[in-house]
Protein backbone atom coordinates (compact mmCIF):
# COMPACT_ATOMS: atom_id res chain seq x y z
CA MET A 1 94.68 119.94 89.79
CA PHE A 2 94.77 119.96 93.56
CA ALA A 3 93.69 122.07 96.51
CA VAL A 4 94.11 121.83 100.28
CA GLU A 5 91.84 122.63 103.22
CA ASP A 6 91.93 122.41 107.02
CA PRO A 7 89.80 119.51 108.36
CA ARG A 8 89.74 121.14 111.80
CA ALA A 9 87.72 124.09 110.49
CA ALA A 10 83.94 124.32 110.84
CA ALA A 11 81.88 122.09 108.53
CA THR A 12 80.86 124.90 106.18
CA GLY A 13 80.46 125.23 102.42
CA LEU A 14 78.26 122.16 101.93
CA TYR A 15 75.29 121.75 99.62
CA PRO A 16 72.02 120.69 101.32
CA GLU A 17 72.31 117.13 100.00
CA GLU A 18 75.87 116.93 101.37
CA VAL A 19 74.70 118.19 104.76
CA ALA A 20 72.04 115.46 104.75
CA HIS A 21 74.65 112.87 103.73
CA VAL A 22 76.69 113.42 106.92
CA ALA A 23 73.88 114.55 109.23
CA ARG A 24 74.30 111.50 111.48
CA ALA A 25 78.10 111.53 111.45
CA VAL A 26 80.14 112.65 114.45
CA PRO A 27 81.34 116.29 114.29
CA LYS A 28 84.94 115.29 113.41
CA ARG A 29 83.72 113.32 110.40
CA GLN A 30 81.47 116.21 109.35
CA ARG A 31 84.44 118.61 109.45
CA GLU A 32 86.63 116.21 107.43
CA PHE A 33 83.86 115.65 104.88
CA ALA A 34 83.30 119.40 104.48
CA ALA A 35 87.03 120.11 104.11
CA GLY A 36 87.25 117.47 101.39
CA ARG A 37 84.31 118.97 99.51
CA ARG A 38 85.68 122.51 99.76
CA ALA A 39 89.08 121.31 98.50
CA ALA A 40 87.46 119.34 95.68
CA ARG A 41 85.42 122.33 94.51
CA ALA A 42 88.54 124.53 94.57
CA ALA A 43 90.30 121.92 92.43
CA PHE A 44 87.22 121.76 90.13
CA ALA A 45 87.49 125.50 89.56
CA LYS A 46 91.08 125.13 88.36
CA LEU A 47 89.78 122.69 85.73
CA GLY A 48 87.07 125.11 84.64
CA GLN A 49 84.43 122.87 86.22
CA GLY A 50 81.54 124.57 87.96
CA PRO A 51 80.73 123.75 91.60
CA ALA A 52 78.58 120.69 92.22
CA PRO A 53 77.55 118.45 95.13
CA LEU A 54 80.00 115.64 95.81
CA LEU A 55 78.36 112.76 97.67
CA ALA A 56 79.97 109.46 98.62
CA ALA A 57 79.35 105.85 97.66
CA LYS A 58 78.85 103.11 100.28
CA SER A 59 82.61 102.57 100.11
CA ARG A 60 82.97 106.26 101.19
CA ALA A 61 84.70 107.04 97.89
CA PRO A 62 83.53 110.35 96.39
CA ILE A 63 81.09 110.19 93.48
CA TRP A 64 82.77 112.54 91.02
CA PRO A 65 80.86 114.53 88.38
CA GLN A 66 80.59 113.02 84.91
CA GLY A 67 83.90 113.36 83.09
CA ILE A 68 85.98 113.98 86.24
CA VAL A 69 88.27 111.61 88.14
CA GLY A 70 89.71 112.44 91.51
CA SER A 71 90.61 111.50 95.04
CA ILE A 72 90.46 113.04 98.52
CA SER A 73 92.60 112.35 101.57
CA HIS A 74 92.95 113.87 105.01
CA CYS A 75 94.93 113.50 108.19
CA ASN A 76 94.40 115.37 111.46
CA ASP A 77 95.42 118.80 110.24
CA LEU A 78 95.36 118.79 106.43
CA CYS A 79 93.02 117.69 103.66
CA ILE A 80 93.92 117.42 99.97
CA ALA A 81 91.80 116.84 96.88
CA VAL A 82 93.15 116.05 93.41
CA CYS A 83 91.09 115.86 90.24
CA ALA A 84 91.48 115.79 86.48
CA HIS A 85 89.46 115.40 83.31
CA GLY A 86 88.60 111.76 82.70
CA GLU A 87 89.75 112.02 79.09
CA ALA A 88 93.29 112.62 80.38
CA PHE A 89 93.45 110.02 83.16
CA ARG A 90 91.55 106.84 84.02
CA ALA A 91 91.92 107.24 87.77
CA LEU A 92 93.72 109.16 90.50
CA GLY A 93 94.56 108.17 94.04
CA VAL A 94 95.99 110.45 96.73
CA ASP A 95 97.02 109.92 100.33
CA ILE A 96 98.39 112.38 102.86
CA GLU A 97 99.84 111.44 106.22
CA GLU A 98 101.69 113.21 108.99
CA ARG A 99 105.35 112.17 108.85
CA ALA A 100 105.54 110.16 112.05
CA PRO A 101 106.38 106.60 113.10
CA LEU A 102 103.69 103.98 112.61
CA PRO A 103 102.04 102.80 115.85
CA ALA A 104 103.57 99.74 117.49
CA GLY A 105 102.60 96.49 115.77
CA VAL A 106 101.37 98.16 112.58
CA LEU A 107 104.59 97.74 110.58
CA ASP A 108 104.14 93.99 110.13
CA MET A 109 100.49 94.49 109.15
CA VAL A 110 101.41 97.02 106.46
CA THR A 111 104.66 95.64 105.02
CA ASN A 112 106.12 92.33 103.90
CA ALA A 113 109.61 91.00 104.64
CA GLU A 114 111.08 92.38 101.40
CA GLU A 115 109.74 95.87 102.08
CA ARG A 116 111.09 95.80 105.64
CA ALA A 117 114.50 94.68 104.33
CA TRP A 118 114.92 97.68 102.01
CA LEU A 119 113.43 100.07 104.56
CA ALA A 120 116.19 99.00 106.95
CA THR A 121 118.82 100.33 104.53
CA ALA A 122 116.88 103.23 102.96
CA GLU A 123 118.16 106.72 103.66
CA SER A 124 114.97 108.66 102.96
CA ALA A 125 112.05 106.20 103.05
CA ALA A 126 110.15 105.36 106.23
CA PRO A 127 107.33 102.93 107.08
CA ILE A 128 104.79 105.76 106.77
CA ASP A 129 105.82 106.09 103.11
CA ILE A 130 104.87 102.45 102.48
CA PHE A 131 101.52 102.91 104.23
CA SER A 132 100.74 106.11 102.30
CA ALA A 133 101.84 104.72 98.92
CA LYS A 134 99.58 101.69 99.35
CA GLU A 135 96.63 103.85 100.39
CA ALA A 136 97.03 106.03 97.29
CA THR A 137 97.21 102.92 95.10
CA TYR A 138 94.03 101.44 96.60
CA LYS A 139 92.15 104.67 95.95
CA ALA A 140 93.21 104.77 92.30
CA LEU A 141 92.53 101.10 91.58
CA TYR A 142 89.21 100.55 93.38
CA PRO A 143 87.00 102.56 90.96
CA LEU A 144 88.37 100.45 88.10
CA THR A 145 88.51 97.02 89.75
CA GLN A 146 85.87 97.15 92.53
CA LYS A 147 88.32 94.91 94.42
CA MET A 148 89.18 95.61 98.05
CA LEU A 149 92.92 95.11 98.35
CA GLY A 150 94.74 94.31 101.57
CA PHE A 151 98.14 95.70 102.50
CA HIS A 152 99.85 92.46 101.50
CA ASP A 153 98.13 92.45 98.10
CA LEU A 154 100.54 95.22 97.10
CA MET A 155 104.29 95.60 97.42
CA ILE A 156 106.04 98.95 97.25
CA VAL A 157 109.26 98.81 95.26
CA PRO A 158 111.82 101.65 95.24
CA HIS A 159 112.49 103.29 91.89
CA ARG A 160 116.17 103.63 91.04
CA GLU A 161 115.69 107.34 90.25
CA GLY A 162 113.68 108.03 93.40
CA GLY A 163 110.05 107.46 94.22
CA TYR A 164 108.23 104.14 94.19
CA PHE A 165 106.36 101.57 92.18
CA ALA A 166 103.33 99.76 93.60
CA GLN A 167 103.32 96.13 92.45
CA LEU A 168 100.23 93.93 92.52
CA MET A 169 100.77 90.66 94.35
CA VAL A 170 97.31 89.42 93.29
CA PRO A 171 95.22 90.02 90.17
CA ALA A 172 92.78 92.94 90.35
CA GLY A 173 90.21 93.51 87.63
CA ALA A 174 92.02 93.70 84.30
CA PHE A 175 95.41 94.06 86.02
CA GLU A 176 97.53 90.91 86.35
CA THR A 177 99.72 89.87 89.25
CA GLY A 178 103.04 91.68 88.95
CA THR A 179 101.63 94.82 87.30
CA GLN A 180 103.53 97.88 88.50
CA PHE A 181 102.21 101.42 88.89
CA LEU A 182 104.37 104.51 89.30
CA LEU A 183 103.71 106.68 92.34
CA LEU A 184 104.56 110.34 92.73
CA SER A 185 105.72 111.28 96.19
CA ASP A 186 106.38 114.60 97.89
CA ASN A 187 106.69 116.25 101.26
CA PHE A 188 104.45 119.12 102.32
CA GLU A 189 105.55 120.76 105.56
CA SER A 190 105.52 117.87 108.06
CA HIS A 191 103.45 115.60 105.81
CA VAL A 192 104.08 112.98 103.17
CA ILE A 193 101.91 112.86 100.05
CA HIS A 194 101.63 110.05 97.50
CA ILE A 195 99.69 110.27 94.26
CA MET A 196 99.02 107.45 91.83
CA ILE A 197 97.95 108.39 88.30
CA LEU A 198 96.47 105.86 85.90
CA VAL A 199 96.58 107.06 82.30
């Protein structure tokens, strides 16, 4: 299930322990945090899950209620939360980005030579798709592997029927080098969204 919120809105709808969690954060971070929690609770409701506080680990990843897996992402004007019952999926990762060019110099940090080669001939993919797909993959894998992956530890490979695979270039937890994960991708208004689902 998923839900969206506006991270520019006031930081409302938080439980007292959530307010305390971001009390020292700058106002922008407080608004983003609150939007993520409101979206998560709306997604919870679609699962039949009652509302509950959703704090964050030191890694800033949400600490989901027992039996729930999920992920939250935001850009300047939109926040999305996805969640599911843990008995259905092992992990979820979501990333949302405004569809815009990457800043100068970032392309080489985010992509390898093979990715840049197919991007040069791709009709629909753009560098922001590579960035977003990798972010979604990191978010899904980290809870299972506890391994911080760099951009060059993953390679995004186009799927012949559309969409992408994320391929590990290094081992991570129980996943070997070369393991591929299917990513779902979509456009929402002027945004790109990638979701990785581990079953």
